[in-house]
């Protein structure tokens, strides 16, 4: 999950989803691009939540993939 503030416009929310999907689709460590799931999940108490789901080849790479993904999302959102 990634939470965005309630002041985030619909346009920016859609753009955030597109950015996240693009980052995942460009990562060679994610083999099943058709299994990537990214979308506006719900209105939470304090945020608009985006759901993110994907599969990886090797569980040992999970930590590095997750950290790389977080940095790429942060850089793109900045």
C-alpha atoms as a PDB file:
ATOM      1  CA  UNK A   1       0.000   0.000   0.000  1.00  0.00           C
ATOM      2  CA  UNK A   2       0.983   3.559  -0.630  1.00  0.00           C
ATOM      3  CA  UNK A   3      -1.149   6.217   1.000  1.00  0.00           C
ATOM      4  CA  UNK A   4      -1.673   9.644  -0.527  1.00  0.00           C
ATOM      5  CA  UNK A   5      -3.231  12.590   1.255  1.00  0.00           C
ATOM      6  CA  UNK A   6      -6.888  13.439   0.756  1.00  0.00           C
ATOM      7  CA  UNK A   7      -5.825  16.686  -0.912  1.00  0.00           C
ATOM      8  CA  UNK A   8      -4.377  14.642  -3.807  1.00  0.00           C
ATOM      9  CA  UNK A   9      -6.398  15.352  -6.937  1.00  0.00           C
ATOM     10  CA  UNK A  10      -7.944  12.560  -8.971  1.00  0.00           C
ATOM     11  CA  UNK A  11      -5.576  13.447 -11.812  1.00  0.00           C
ATOM     12  CA  UNK A  12      -2.532  13.092  -9.547  1.00  0.00           C
ATOM     13  CA  UNK A  13      -3.873   9.845  -8.078  1.00  0.00           C
ATOM     14  CA  UNK A  14      -4.225   8.387 -11.581  1.00  0.00           C
ATOM     15  CA  UNK A  15      -0.736   9.639 -12.464  1.00  0.00           C
ATOM     16  CA  UNK A  16       0.701   8.031  -9.313  1.00  0.00           C
ATOM     17  CA  UNK A  17      -0.836   4.691 -10.295  1.00  0.00           C
ATOM     18  CA  UNK A  18       0.629   5.000 -13.802  1.00  0.00           C
ATOM     19  CA  UNK A  19       4.085   5.855 -12.391  1.00  0.00           C
ATOM     20  CA  UNK A  20       4.033   2.868 -10.058  1.00  0.00           C
ATOM     21  CA  UNK A  21       2.945   0.504 -12.839  1.00  0.00           C
ATOM     22  CA  UNK A  22       5.663   1.830 -15.164  1.00  0.00           C
ATOM     23  CA  UNK A  23       8.366   1.328 -12.520  1.00  0.00           C
ATOM     24  CA  UNK A  24       7.274  -2.277 -11.975  1.00  0.00           C
ATOM     25  CA  UNK A  25       6.964  -3.053 -15.683  1.00  0.00           C
ATOM     26  CA  UNK A  26      10.520  -1.801 -16.256  1.00  0.00           C
ATOM     27  CA  UNK A  27      12.041  -4.004 -13.544  1.00  0.00           C
ATOM     28  CA  UNK A  28      13.569  -7.126 -15.106  1.00  0.00           C
ATOM     29  CA  UNK A  29      13.429  -8.935 -11.770  1.00  0.00           C
ATOM     30  CA  UNK A  30       9.629  -9.047 -12.041  1.00  0.00           C
ATOM     31  CA  UNK A  31       8.924 -11.860 -14.522  1.00  0.00           C
ATOM     32  CA  UNK A  32       5.124 -11.876 -14.872  1.00  0.00           C
ATOM     33  CA  UNK A  33       4.240  -8.382 -16.029  1.00  0.00           C
ATOM     34  CA  UNK A  34       0.634  -9.467 -16.614  1.00  0.00           C
ATOM     35  CA  UNK A  35       0.325 -10.265 -12.889  1.00  0.00           C
ATOM     36  CA  UNK A  36       1.213  -6.740 -11.744  1.00  0.00           C
ATOM     37  CA  UNK A  37      -1.712  -5.263  -9.797  1.00  0.00           C
ATOM     38  CA  UNK A  38      -1.820  -1.531  -9.096  1.00  0.00           C
ATOM     39  CA  UNK A  39      -4.960   0.456  -8.345  1.00  0.00           C
ATOM     40  CA  UNK A  40      -6.894   2.812  -6.122  1.00  0.00           C
ATOM     41  CA  UNK A  41      -7.783   0.476  -3.292  1.00  0.00           C
ATOM     42  CA  UNK A  42      -9.751   2.466  -0.734  1.00  0.00           C
ATOM     43  CA  UNK A  43     -10.448   5.606   1.222  1.00  0.00           C
ATOM     44  CA  UNK A  44      -8.629   4.989   4.495  1.00  0.00           C
ATOM     45  CA  UNK A  45      -9.019   7.049   7.654  1.00  0.00           C
ATOM     46  CA  UNK A  46      -6.203   9.435   6.734  1.00  0.00           C
ATOM     47  CA  UNK A  47      -5.191   8.547   3.176  1.00  0.00           C
ATOM     48  CA  UNK A  48      -6.197   7.459  -0.301  1.00  0.00           C
ATOM     49  CA  UNK A  49      -4.604   4.021  -0.590  1.00  0.00           C
ATOM     50  CA  UNK A  50      -3.017   2.547  -3.692  1.00  0.00           C
ATOM     51  CA  UNK A  51      -2.668  -1.248  -3.720  1.00  0.00           C
ATOM     52  CA  UNK A  52       0.481  -2.760  -5.246  1.00  0.00           C
ATOM     53  CA  UNK A  53       1.014  -6.455  -5.921  1.00  0.00           C
ATOM     54  CA  UNK A  54       3.538  -8.367  -8.051  1.00  0.00           C
ATOM     55  CA  UNK A  55       5.511 -11.600  -8.171  1.00  0.00           C
ATOM     56  CA  UNK A  56       9.279 -12.042  -8.173  1.00  0.00           C
ATOM     57  CA  UNK A  57      11.530 -14.911  -9.246  1.00  0.00           C
ATOM     58  CA  UNK A  58      13.650 -15.290  -6.146  1.00  0.00           C
ATOM     59  CA  UNK A  59      12.497 -14.619  -2.585  1.00  0.00           C
ATOM     60  CA  UNK A  60      16.089 -13.795  -1.626  1.00  0.00           C
ATOM     61  CA  UNK A  61      15.828 -10.688  -3.858  1.00  0.00           C
ATOM     62  CA  UNK A  62      12.648  -9.418  -2.195  1.00  0.00           C
ATOM     63  CA  UNK A  63      14.348  -6.942   0.136  1.00  0.00           C
ATOM     64  CA  UNK A  64      16.455  -5.375  -2.603  1.00  0.00           C
ATOM     65  CA  UNK A  65      13.555  -5.206  -5.056  1.00  0.00           C
ATOM     66  CA  UNK A  66      11.325  -3.584  -2.439  1.00  0.00           C
ATOM     67  CA  UNK A  67      13.947  -0.998  -1.463  1.00  0.00           C
ATOM     68  CA  UNK A  68      14.781  -0.177  -5.099  1.00  0.00           C
ATOM     69  CA  UNK A  69      11.070   0.166  -5.840  1.00  0.00           C
ATOM     70  CA  UNK A  70      10.540   2.515  -2.887  1.00  0.00           C
ATOM     71  CA  UNK A  71      13.426   4.765  -3.946  1.00  0.00           C
ATOM     72  CA  UNK A  72      12.208   4.870  -7.566  1.00  0.00           C
ATOM     73  CA  UNK A  73       8.658   5.743  -6.484  1.00  0.00           C
ATOM     74  CA  UNK A  74       9.904   8.468  -4.130  1.00  0.00           C
ATOM     75  CA  UNK A  75      12.141   9.957  -6.835  1.00  0.00           C
ATOM     76  CA  UNK A  76       9.298   9.879  -9.388  1.00  0.00           C
ATOM     77  CA  UNK A  77       6.821  11.446  -6.965  1.00  0.00           C
ATOM     78  CA  UNK A  78       9.297  14.196  -6.049  1.00  0.00           C
END
